[in-house]
N, C-alpha and C. Protein backbone atom coordinates (compact mmCIF):
# COMPACT_ATOMS: atom_id res chain seq x y z
N MET A 1 178.82 -12.36 -184.62
CA MET A 1 178.49 -13.29 -185.66
C MET A 1 177.63 -14.40 -185.08
N ASN A 2 176.47 -14.65 -185.69
CA ASN A 2 175.51 -15.63 -185.19
C ASN A 2 175.47 -16.87 -186.07
N LYS A 3 176.55 -17.60 -186.11
CA LYS A 3 176.55 -18.85 -186.87
C LYS A 3 176.22 -19.99 -185.92
N LYS A 4 175.33 -20.86 -186.39
CA LYS A 4 175.03 -22.02 -185.56
C LYS A 4 175.84 -23.21 -186.04
N LYS A 5 176.05 -24.13 -185.14
CA LYS A 5 176.78 -25.34 -185.49
C LYS A 5 176.00 -26.11 -186.55
N PRO A 6 176.66 -26.85 -187.44
CA PRO A 6 175.96 -27.53 -188.52
C PRO A 6 174.91 -28.53 -188.05
N ASP A 7 175.10 -29.20 -186.93
CA ASP A 7 174.14 -30.20 -186.47
C ASP A 7 173.23 -29.70 -185.36
N GLU A 8 173.16 -28.41 -185.16
CA GLU A 8 172.30 -27.85 -184.12
C GLU A 8 171.00 -27.39 -184.77
N PHE A 9 169.87 -27.87 -184.26
CA PHE A 9 168.59 -27.55 -184.85
C PHE A 9 167.75 -26.78 -183.85
N THR A 10 166.98 -25.82 -184.35
CA THR A 10 166.16 -25.00 -183.48
C THR A 10 164.71 -25.48 -183.42
N SER A 11 164.34 -26.41 -184.32
CA SER A 11 162.97 -26.92 -184.29
C SER A 11 162.95 -28.35 -184.84
N ILE A 12 161.89 -29.05 -184.52
CA ILE A 12 161.73 -30.41 -185.01
C ILE A 12 161.57 -30.39 -186.53
N ASP A 13 160.92 -29.35 -187.07
CA ASP A 13 160.76 -29.24 -188.53
C ASP A 13 162.12 -29.18 -189.22
N GLU A 14 163.02 -28.39 -188.66
CA GLU A 14 164.36 -28.25 -189.22
C GLU A 14 165.09 -29.60 -189.21
N LEU A 15 164.96 -30.33 -188.10
CA LEU A 15 165.60 -31.63 -187.98
C LEU A 15 165.04 -32.62 -189.01
N ILE A 16 163.72 -32.63 -189.18
CA ILE A 16 163.09 -33.55 -190.13
C ILE A 16 163.51 -33.20 -191.56
N ARG A 17 163.52 -31.92 -191.89
CA ARG A 17 163.97 -31.51 -193.23
C ARG A 17 165.41 -31.98 -193.48
N HIS A 18 166.26 -31.85 -192.47
CA HIS A 18 167.66 -32.27 -192.58
C HIS A 18 167.75 -33.78 -192.82
N ILE A 19 166.97 -34.55 -192.08
CA ILE A 19 166.97 -36.01 -192.23
C ILE A 19 166.48 -36.40 -193.62
N ILE A 20 165.40 -35.77 -194.09
CA ILE A 20 164.85 -36.08 -195.41
C ILE A 20 165.85 -35.72 -196.50
N ALA A 21 166.50 -34.56 -196.38
CA ALA A 21 167.48 -34.13 -197.38
C ALA A 21 168.64 -35.12 -197.46
N HIS A 22 169.11 -35.59 -196.31
CA HIS A 22 170.21 -36.55 -196.31
C HIS A 22 169.77 -37.93 -196.81
N THR A 23 168.52 -38.27 -196.59
CA THR A 23 168.02 -39.57 -197.03
C THR A 23 167.77 -39.59 -198.54
N LEU A 24 167.13 -38.54 -199.06
CA LEU A 24 166.76 -38.51 -200.47
C LEU A 24 167.82 -37.88 -201.36
N GLY A 25 168.70 -37.08 -200.80
CA GLY A 25 169.70 -36.40 -201.61
C GLY A 25 169.06 -35.34 -202.47
N ASN A 26 169.69 -35.00 -203.59
CA ASN A 26 169.15 -34.01 -204.51
C ASN A 26 168.12 -34.66 -205.41
N THR A 27 166.87 -34.40 -205.13
CA THR A 27 165.78 -34.99 -205.90
C THR A 27 164.64 -34.00 -206.01
N SER A 28 163.75 -34.24 -206.93
CA SER A 28 162.61 -33.34 -207.09
C SER A 28 161.45 -33.75 -206.19
N ILE A 29 161.60 -34.84 -205.45
CA ILE A 29 160.54 -35.29 -204.54
C ILE A 29 160.43 -34.30 -203.40
N GLN A 30 159.21 -33.87 -203.13
CA GLN A 30 158.95 -32.95 -202.04
C GLN A 30 158.09 -33.65 -200.98
N PRO A 31 158.72 -34.40 -200.07
CA PRO A 31 157.94 -35.13 -199.07
C PRO A 31 157.30 -34.17 -198.07
N GLY A 32 156.23 -34.61 -197.49
CA GLY A 32 155.56 -33.83 -196.47
C GLY A 32 155.19 -34.71 -195.30
N MET A 33 154.92 -34.10 -194.18
CA MET A 33 154.56 -34.85 -192.99
C MET A 33 153.06 -34.72 -192.77
N ILE A 34 152.40 -35.84 -192.56
CA ILE A 34 150.97 -35.83 -192.30
C ILE A 34 150.70 -35.71 -190.81
N GLY A 35 151.40 -36.43 -189.99
CA GLY A 35 151.17 -36.35 -188.56
C GLY A 35 152.08 -37.26 -187.80
N VAL A 36 152.28 -36.93 -186.54
CA VAL A 36 153.12 -37.71 -185.66
C VAL A 36 152.39 -37.83 -184.33
N ASN A 37 152.31 -39.04 -183.79
CA ASN A 37 151.75 -39.24 -182.46
C ASN A 37 152.86 -39.71 -181.54
N VAL A 38 153.01 -39.04 -180.42
CA VAL A 38 153.98 -39.45 -179.43
C VAL A 38 153.22 -39.75 -178.15
N ILE A 39 153.39 -40.97 -177.64
CA ILE A 39 152.75 -41.35 -176.39
C ILE A 39 153.86 -41.67 -175.40
N ILE A 40 153.84 -41.01 -174.28
CA ILE A 40 154.85 -41.21 -173.26
C ILE A 40 154.38 -42.33 -172.36
N ALA A 41 155.16 -43.41 -172.29
CA ALA A 41 154.73 -44.59 -171.54
C ALA A 41 155.24 -44.58 -170.11
N GLY A 42 155.91 -43.54 -169.70
CA GLY A 42 156.41 -43.46 -168.33
C GLY A 42 155.28 -43.34 -167.34
N GLY A 43 155.55 -42.83 -166.19
CA GLY A 43 154.53 -42.77 -165.14
C GLY A 43 153.69 -41.52 -165.18
N GLY A 44 153.22 -41.09 -166.32
CA GLY A 44 152.40 -39.89 -166.35
C GLY A 44 151.57 -39.79 -167.60
N ASN A 45 150.71 -38.78 -167.63
CA ASN A 45 149.86 -38.55 -168.77
C ASN A 45 150.60 -37.75 -169.83
N PRO A 46 150.30 -37.98 -171.11
CA PRO A 46 150.90 -37.14 -172.13
C PRO A 46 150.50 -35.69 -171.91
N PRO A 47 151.37 -34.75 -172.22
CA PRO A 47 151.10 -33.35 -171.93
C PRO A 47 150.18 -32.72 -172.97
N PHE A 48 148.90 -33.12 -173.00
CA PHE A 48 147.95 -32.49 -173.90
C PHE A 48 147.66 -31.10 -173.37
N SER A 49 147.68 -30.13 -174.24
CA SER A 49 147.49 -28.75 -173.80
C SER A 49 146.09 -28.27 -174.14
N GLY A 50 145.72 -27.19 -173.54
CA GLY A 50 144.46 -26.54 -173.85
C GLY A 50 143.31 -27.07 -173.02
N LYS A 51 142.15 -26.46 -173.25
CA LYS A 51 140.93 -26.85 -172.55
C LYS A 51 140.05 -27.61 -173.53
N PRO A 52 139.10 -28.43 -173.03
CA PRO A 52 138.24 -29.16 -173.93
C PRO A 52 137.60 -28.25 -174.96
N GLY A 53 137.68 -28.67 -176.23
CA GLY A 53 137.07 -27.91 -177.31
C GLY A 53 137.89 -26.75 -177.82
N SER A 54 139.04 -26.45 -177.22
CA SER A 54 139.84 -25.33 -177.67
C SER A 54 140.95 -25.81 -178.58
N SER A 55 141.47 -24.92 -179.40
CA SER A 55 142.58 -25.26 -180.28
C SER A 55 143.85 -24.68 -179.71
N SER A 56 144.91 -25.45 -179.74
CA SER A 56 146.21 -24.97 -179.31
C SER A 56 146.89 -24.33 -180.50
N PRO A 57 148.02 -23.67 -180.29
CA PRO A 57 148.72 -23.08 -181.42
C PRO A 57 149.12 -24.12 -182.48
N ASP A 58 149.21 -25.37 -182.13
CA ASP A 58 149.57 -26.42 -183.08
C ASP A 58 148.36 -27.00 -183.78
N ASP A 59 147.21 -26.35 -183.70
CA ASP A 59 145.98 -26.82 -184.34
C ASP A 59 145.52 -28.17 -183.83
N VAL A 60 145.81 -28.48 -182.58
CA VAL A 60 145.34 -29.71 -181.96
C VAL A 60 144.17 -29.34 -181.07
N THR A 61 143.04 -29.99 -181.29
CA THR A 61 141.84 -29.72 -180.50
C THR A 61 141.68 -30.80 -179.45
N ASN A 62 141.38 -30.39 -178.24
CA ASN A 62 141.05 -31.34 -177.18
C ASN A 62 139.55 -31.58 -177.26
N PRO A 63 139.14 -32.80 -177.61
CA PRO A 63 137.72 -33.06 -177.81
C PRO A 63 136.94 -33.05 -176.50
N HIS A 64 135.65 -32.77 -176.62
CA HIS A 64 134.76 -32.84 -175.47
C HIS A 64 134.51 -34.32 -175.17
N ILE A 65 134.78 -34.73 -173.92
CA ILE A 65 134.63 -36.13 -173.51
C ILE A 65 133.67 -36.18 -172.32
N GLU A 66 132.68 -37.06 -172.41
CA GLU A 66 131.73 -37.25 -171.31
C GLU A 66 131.74 -38.70 -170.86
N LEU A 67 131.55 -38.90 -169.55
CA LEU A 67 131.49 -40.24 -168.97
C LEU A 67 130.10 -40.46 -168.36
N CYS A 68 129.60 -41.67 -168.52
CA CYS A 68 128.36 -42.08 -167.86
C CYS A 68 128.62 -43.46 -167.26
N GLU A 69 128.58 -43.53 -165.93
CA GLU A 69 128.92 -44.77 -165.23
C GLU A 69 127.68 -45.36 -164.58
N THR A 70 127.51 -46.68 -164.78
CA THR A 70 126.45 -47.41 -164.08
C THR A 70 127.14 -48.35 -163.11
N GLU A 71 126.38 -49.26 -162.53
CA GLU A 71 126.95 -50.20 -161.57
C GLU A 71 128.00 -51.12 -162.20
N SER A 72 127.79 -51.48 -163.47
CA SER A 72 128.69 -52.45 -164.10
C SER A 72 129.33 -51.98 -165.41
N ASP A 73 128.93 -50.81 -165.90
CA ASP A 73 129.39 -50.36 -167.21
C ASP A 73 129.88 -48.91 -167.18
N LEU A 74 130.67 -48.58 -168.20
CA LEU A 74 131.11 -47.20 -168.41
C LEU A 74 130.88 -46.87 -169.87
N LEU A 75 130.17 -45.77 -170.13
CA LEU A 75 129.97 -45.27 -171.48
C LEU A 75 130.75 -43.97 -171.61
N VAL A 76 131.64 -43.91 -172.60
CA VAL A 76 132.44 -42.72 -172.87
C VAL A 76 131.96 -42.17 -174.21
N THR A 77 131.64 -40.89 -174.25
CA THR A 77 131.21 -40.23 -175.47
C THR A 77 132.22 -39.13 -175.79
N VAL A 78 132.72 -39.13 -177.04
CA VAL A 78 133.75 -38.18 -177.46
C VAL A 78 133.31 -37.51 -178.75
N GLU A 79 133.37 -36.18 -178.78
CA GLU A 79 133.01 -35.43 -179.99
C GLU A 79 134.24 -35.27 -180.86
N LEU A 80 134.21 -35.90 -182.04
CA LEU A 80 135.32 -35.86 -183.00
C LEU A 80 134.76 -35.52 -184.39
N PRO A 81 134.27 -34.29 -184.58
CA PRO A 81 133.61 -33.95 -185.84
C PRO A 81 134.50 -34.15 -187.06
N GLY A 82 133.92 -34.83 -188.05
CA GLY A 82 134.61 -35.04 -189.31
C GLY A 82 135.50 -36.26 -189.38
N LEU A 83 135.73 -36.95 -188.28
CA LEU A 83 136.62 -38.10 -188.30
C LEU A 83 135.85 -39.39 -188.53
N GLU A 84 136.52 -40.33 -189.20
CA GLU A 84 135.98 -41.65 -189.45
C GLU A 84 136.67 -42.64 -188.50
N ARG A 85 136.16 -43.86 -188.45
CA ARG A 85 136.66 -44.90 -187.56
C ARG A 85 138.17 -45.13 -187.69
N ASP A 86 138.68 -45.16 -188.93
CA ASP A 86 140.10 -45.47 -189.12
C ASP A 86 141.03 -44.30 -188.81
N HIS A 87 140.49 -43.16 -188.40
CA HIS A 87 141.30 -42.00 -188.03
C HIS A 87 141.48 -41.86 -186.52
N ILE A 88 140.95 -42.81 -185.74
CA ILE A 88 140.88 -42.63 -184.29
C ILE A 88 141.53 -43.80 -183.56
N LYS A 89 142.26 -43.47 -182.48
CA LYS A 89 142.81 -44.49 -181.57
C LYS A 89 142.33 -44.15 -180.16
N ALA A 90 141.93 -45.18 -179.44
CA ALA A 90 141.57 -45.04 -178.04
C ALA A 90 142.47 -45.99 -177.26
N ILE A 91 143.16 -45.45 -176.26
CA ILE A 91 144.12 -46.23 -175.49
C ILE A 91 143.77 -46.10 -174.01
N VAL A 92 143.63 -47.24 -173.35
CA VAL A 92 143.40 -47.25 -171.90
C VAL A 92 144.70 -47.64 -171.24
N ARG A 93 145.14 -46.81 -170.30
CA ARG A 93 146.33 -47.12 -169.51
C ARG A 93 145.96 -46.91 -168.05
N ASP A 94 145.86 -48.00 -167.32
CA ASP A 94 145.43 -47.98 -165.92
C ASP A 94 144.06 -47.30 -165.85
N THR A 95 143.99 -46.12 -165.25
CA THR A 95 142.70 -45.42 -165.11
C THR A 95 142.67 -44.15 -165.94
N THR A 96 143.36 -44.16 -167.07
CA THR A 96 143.33 -43.01 -167.98
C THR A 96 142.99 -43.49 -169.38
N LEU A 97 142.06 -42.79 -170.03
CA LEU A 97 141.71 -43.06 -171.41
C LEU A 97 142.31 -41.95 -172.26
N PHE A 98 143.07 -42.33 -173.28
CA PHE A 98 143.67 -41.38 -174.22
C PHE A 98 142.95 -41.53 -175.55
N ILE A 99 142.57 -40.41 -176.16
CA ILE A 99 141.92 -40.39 -177.46
C ILE A 99 142.81 -39.59 -178.40
N ILE A 100 143.14 -40.19 -179.55
CA ILE A 100 143.95 -39.51 -180.56
C ILE A 100 143.24 -39.68 -181.89
N GLY A 101 143.02 -38.58 -182.59
CA GLY A 101 142.38 -38.64 -183.90
C GLY A 101 143.04 -37.69 -184.87
N PHE A 102 143.22 -38.15 -186.11
CA PHE A 102 143.83 -37.30 -187.14
C PHE A 102 143.42 -37.81 -188.50
N ASP A 103 142.91 -36.92 -189.35
CA ASP A 103 142.48 -37.32 -190.69
C ASP A 103 143.26 -36.62 -191.79
N GLY A 104 144.40 -36.03 -191.47
CA GLY A 104 145.18 -35.30 -192.46
C GLY A 104 144.91 -33.81 -192.41
N VAL A 105 143.79 -33.42 -191.82
CA VAL A 105 143.43 -32.00 -191.69
C VAL A 105 143.19 -31.64 -190.22
N ARG A 106 142.30 -32.39 -189.59
CA ARG A 106 141.93 -32.11 -188.19
C ARG A 106 142.69 -33.04 -187.26
N ARG A 107 143.14 -32.47 -186.12
CA ARG A 107 143.84 -33.27 -185.11
C ARG A 107 143.13 -33.11 -183.77
N PHE A 108 142.91 -34.25 -183.12
CA PHE A 108 142.29 -34.26 -181.80
C PHE A 108 143.16 -35.08 -180.87
N GLN A 109 143.35 -34.59 -179.66
CA GLN A 109 144.05 -35.33 -178.61
C GLN A 109 143.37 -34.99 -177.30
N GLY A 110 143.11 -36.01 -176.52
CA GLY A 110 142.51 -35.77 -175.22
C GLY A 110 142.71 -36.94 -174.30
N SER A 111 142.54 -36.69 -173.03
CA SER A 111 142.62 -37.76 -172.05
C SER A 111 141.67 -37.44 -170.92
N ILE A 112 141.26 -38.50 -170.23
CA ILE A 112 140.35 -38.33 -169.10
C ILE A 112 140.56 -39.49 -168.14
N ASP A 113 140.45 -39.21 -166.86
CA ASP A 113 140.52 -40.26 -165.84
C ASP A 113 139.21 -41.03 -165.86
N ILE A 114 139.34 -42.35 -165.82
CA ILE A 114 138.17 -43.23 -165.82
C ILE A 114 138.33 -44.25 -164.69
N PRO A 115 137.23 -44.87 -164.27
CA PRO A 115 137.37 -45.96 -163.31
C PRO A 115 138.04 -47.15 -163.98
N LEU A 116 138.47 -48.12 -163.18
CA LEU A 116 139.08 -49.32 -163.74
C LEU A 116 138.07 -50.05 -164.63
N VAL A 117 138.52 -50.38 -165.85
CA VAL A 117 137.67 -51.09 -166.80
C VAL A 117 138.42 -52.30 -167.35
N HIS A 118 137.69 -53.18 -168.01
CA HIS A 118 138.29 -54.27 -168.77
C HIS A 118 138.41 -53.76 -170.21
N PRO A 119 139.61 -53.32 -170.63
CA PRO A 119 139.75 -52.73 -171.98
C PRO A 119 139.32 -53.67 -173.10
N ASP A 120 139.48 -54.98 -172.90
CA ASP A 120 139.13 -55.93 -173.96
C ASP A 120 137.62 -56.11 -174.13
N THR A 121 136.81 -55.49 -173.27
CA THR A 121 135.35 -55.58 -173.40
C THR A 121 134.77 -54.42 -174.20
N CYS A 122 135.63 -53.57 -174.73
CA CYS A 122 135.18 -52.35 -175.39
C CYS A 122 134.32 -52.63 -176.63
N ILE A 123 133.17 -52.00 -176.65
CA ILE A 123 132.32 -51.98 -177.85
C ILE A 123 132.30 -50.53 -178.30
N GLN A 124 132.67 -50.29 -179.56
CA GLN A 124 132.76 -48.92 -180.03
C GLN A 124 131.83 -48.67 -181.21
N ASN A 125 131.42 -47.42 -181.30
CA ASN A 125 130.56 -47.00 -182.40
C ASN A 125 130.90 -45.54 -182.68
N ILE A 126 130.95 -45.18 -183.95
CA ILE A 126 131.12 -43.77 -184.31
C ILE A 126 130.06 -43.42 -185.35
N GLN A 127 129.37 -42.34 -185.10
CA GLN A 127 128.33 -41.89 -186.00
C GLN A 127 128.23 -40.38 -185.92
N ASN A 128 128.25 -39.74 -187.09
CA ASN A 128 128.15 -38.28 -187.17
C ASN A 128 129.18 -37.57 -186.29
N GLY A 129 130.40 -38.10 -186.24
CA GLY A 129 131.47 -37.46 -185.49
C GLY A 129 131.42 -37.65 -183.99
N VAL A 130 130.56 -38.55 -183.52
CA VAL A 130 130.47 -38.83 -182.09
C VAL A 130 130.91 -40.28 -181.86
N LEU A 131 131.99 -40.44 -181.10
CA LEU A 131 132.52 -41.76 -180.77
C LEU A 131 131.94 -42.20 -179.43
N GLU A 132 131.43 -43.43 -179.40
CA GLU A 132 130.95 -44.02 -178.15
C GLU A 132 131.80 -45.25 -177.86
N LEU A 133 132.33 -45.31 -176.64
CA LEU A 133 133.10 -46.46 -176.17
C LEU A 133 132.37 -47.01 -174.95
N HIS A 134 132.03 -48.30 -174.99
CA HIS A 134 131.29 -48.93 -173.91
C HIS A 134 132.17 -50.00 -173.29
N TYR A 135 132.50 -49.85 -172.00
CA TYR A 135 133.39 -50.78 -171.29
C TYR A 135 132.64 -51.43 -170.13
N LYS A 136 133.06 -52.64 -169.78
CA LYS A 136 132.63 -53.28 -168.54
C LYS A 136 133.58 -52.82 -167.44
N LEU A 137 133.03 -52.44 -166.31
CA LEU A 137 133.86 -52.00 -165.19
C LEU A 137 134.57 -53.19 -164.56
N ALA A 138 135.79 -52.96 -164.14
CA ALA A 138 136.55 -53.98 -163.40
C ALA A 138 136.22 -53.83 -161.93
N GLU A 139 136.45 -54.91 -161.19
CA GLU A 139 136.24 -54.81 -159.75
C GLU A 139 137.27 -53.86 -159.16
N LYS A 140 136.84 -53.09 -158.19
CA LYS A 140 137.77 -52.17 -157.54
C LYS A 140 138.82 -52.97 -156.78
N PRO A 141 140.08 -52.53 -156.82
CA PRO A 141 141.13 -53.30 -156.15
C PRO A 141 140.94 -53.29 -154.63
N ASP A 142 141.36 -54.38 -154.02
CA ASP A 142 141.30 -54.51 -152.57
C ASP A 142 142.37 -53.59 -151.97
N PRO A 143 141.99 -52.68 -151.07
CA PRO A 143 142.98 -51.76 -150.51
C PRO A 143 144.08 -52.47 -149.71
N ASP A 144 143.84 -53.72 -149.29
CA ASP A 144 144.85 -54.46 -148.54
C ASP A 144 145.89 -55.11 -149.45
N GLN A 145 145.58 -55.18 -150.78
CA GLN A 145 146.51 -55.78 -151.73
C GLN A 145 147.53 -54.72 -152.18
N PRO A 146 148.80 -55.11 -152.37
CA PRO A 146 149.78 -54.14 -152.86
C PRO A 146 149.45 -53.72 -154.29
N GLU A 147 149.78 -52.46 -154.62
CA GLU A 147 149.51 -51.95 -155.97
C GLU A 147 150.43 -52.58 -156.98
N LYS A 148 149.97 -52.59 -158.25
CA LYS A 148 150.80 -53.10 -159.34
C LYS A 148 151.98 -52.19 -159.55
N ASP A 149 153.07 -52.79 -159.95
CA ASP A 149 154.26 -52.03 -160.31
C ASP A 149 153.98 -51.27 -161.60
N ALA A 150 154.55 -50.07 -161.77
CA ALA A 150 154.32 -49.28 -162.99
C ALA A 150 154.73 -50.04 -164.24
N GLU A 151 155.74 -50.91 -164.13
CA GLU A 151 156.22 -51.65 -165.30
C GLU A 151 155.25 -52.75 -165.72
N THR A 152 154.39 -53.20 -164.81
CA THR A 152 153.47 -54.28 -165.14
C THR A 152 152.03 -53.78 -165.24
N SER A 153 151.83 -52.47 -165.30
CA SER A 153 150.48 -51.94 -165.34
C SER A 153 149.83 -52.24 -166.69
N ASP A 154 148.50 -52.29 -166.67
CA ASP A 154 147.75 -52.62 -167.88
C ASP A 154 147.72 -51.44 -168.84
N SER A 155 147.85 -51.73 -170.10
CA SER A 155 147.73 -50.74 -171.15
C SER A 155 147.15 -51.44 -172.36
N SER A 156 146.13 -50.84 -172.95
CA SER A 156 145.49 -51.50 -174.07
C SER A 156 145.04 -50.46 -175.08
N GLU A 157 145.35 -50.73 -176.34
CA GLU A 157 144.90 -49.87 -177.43
C GLU A 157 143.68 -50.51 -178.04
N VAL A 158 142.62 -49.74 -178.16
CA VAL A 158 141.38 -50.25 -178.72
C VAL A 158 141.30 -49.81 -180.18
N PRO A 159 141.24 -50.77 -181.11
CA PRO A 159 141.05 -50.35 -182.51
C PRO A 159 139.62 -49.84 -182.65
N VAL A 160 139.49 -48.59 -183.03
CA VAL A 160 138.16 -47.99 -183.15
C VAL A 160 137.63 -48.21 -184.53
């Protein structure tokens, strides 16, 4: 006999349906989920899967990201076809840039290692599905100085 315990769930969808059913009770409302973003703030990168430009089984595309570095600036170009400014988040955490985009149909997630930048200097532009982020480079840290603690590391979300 294969009976599962009443509170044991085999998928996140099952758990969410259970929560919604208990919250709304017996109703004709049929709620749906548009999207969920989870960012892990621990000492690592979020586990984005796939290769640039490919789709994972969850219909999440890793966008093509290019970097162009000069002596004082960093230009990041990201291909996000079909997305508008209010569908995109760019987050800098230490030397990693995370890009998340979702418009209700298309989902994009990607990350790339970047040199140290001043996140608050970001100038952004999006046109024809191409996002450009322009940052001022930060001075490279002195190797004789102790590194920042993970708990005090810089993290900044750029409103695109």
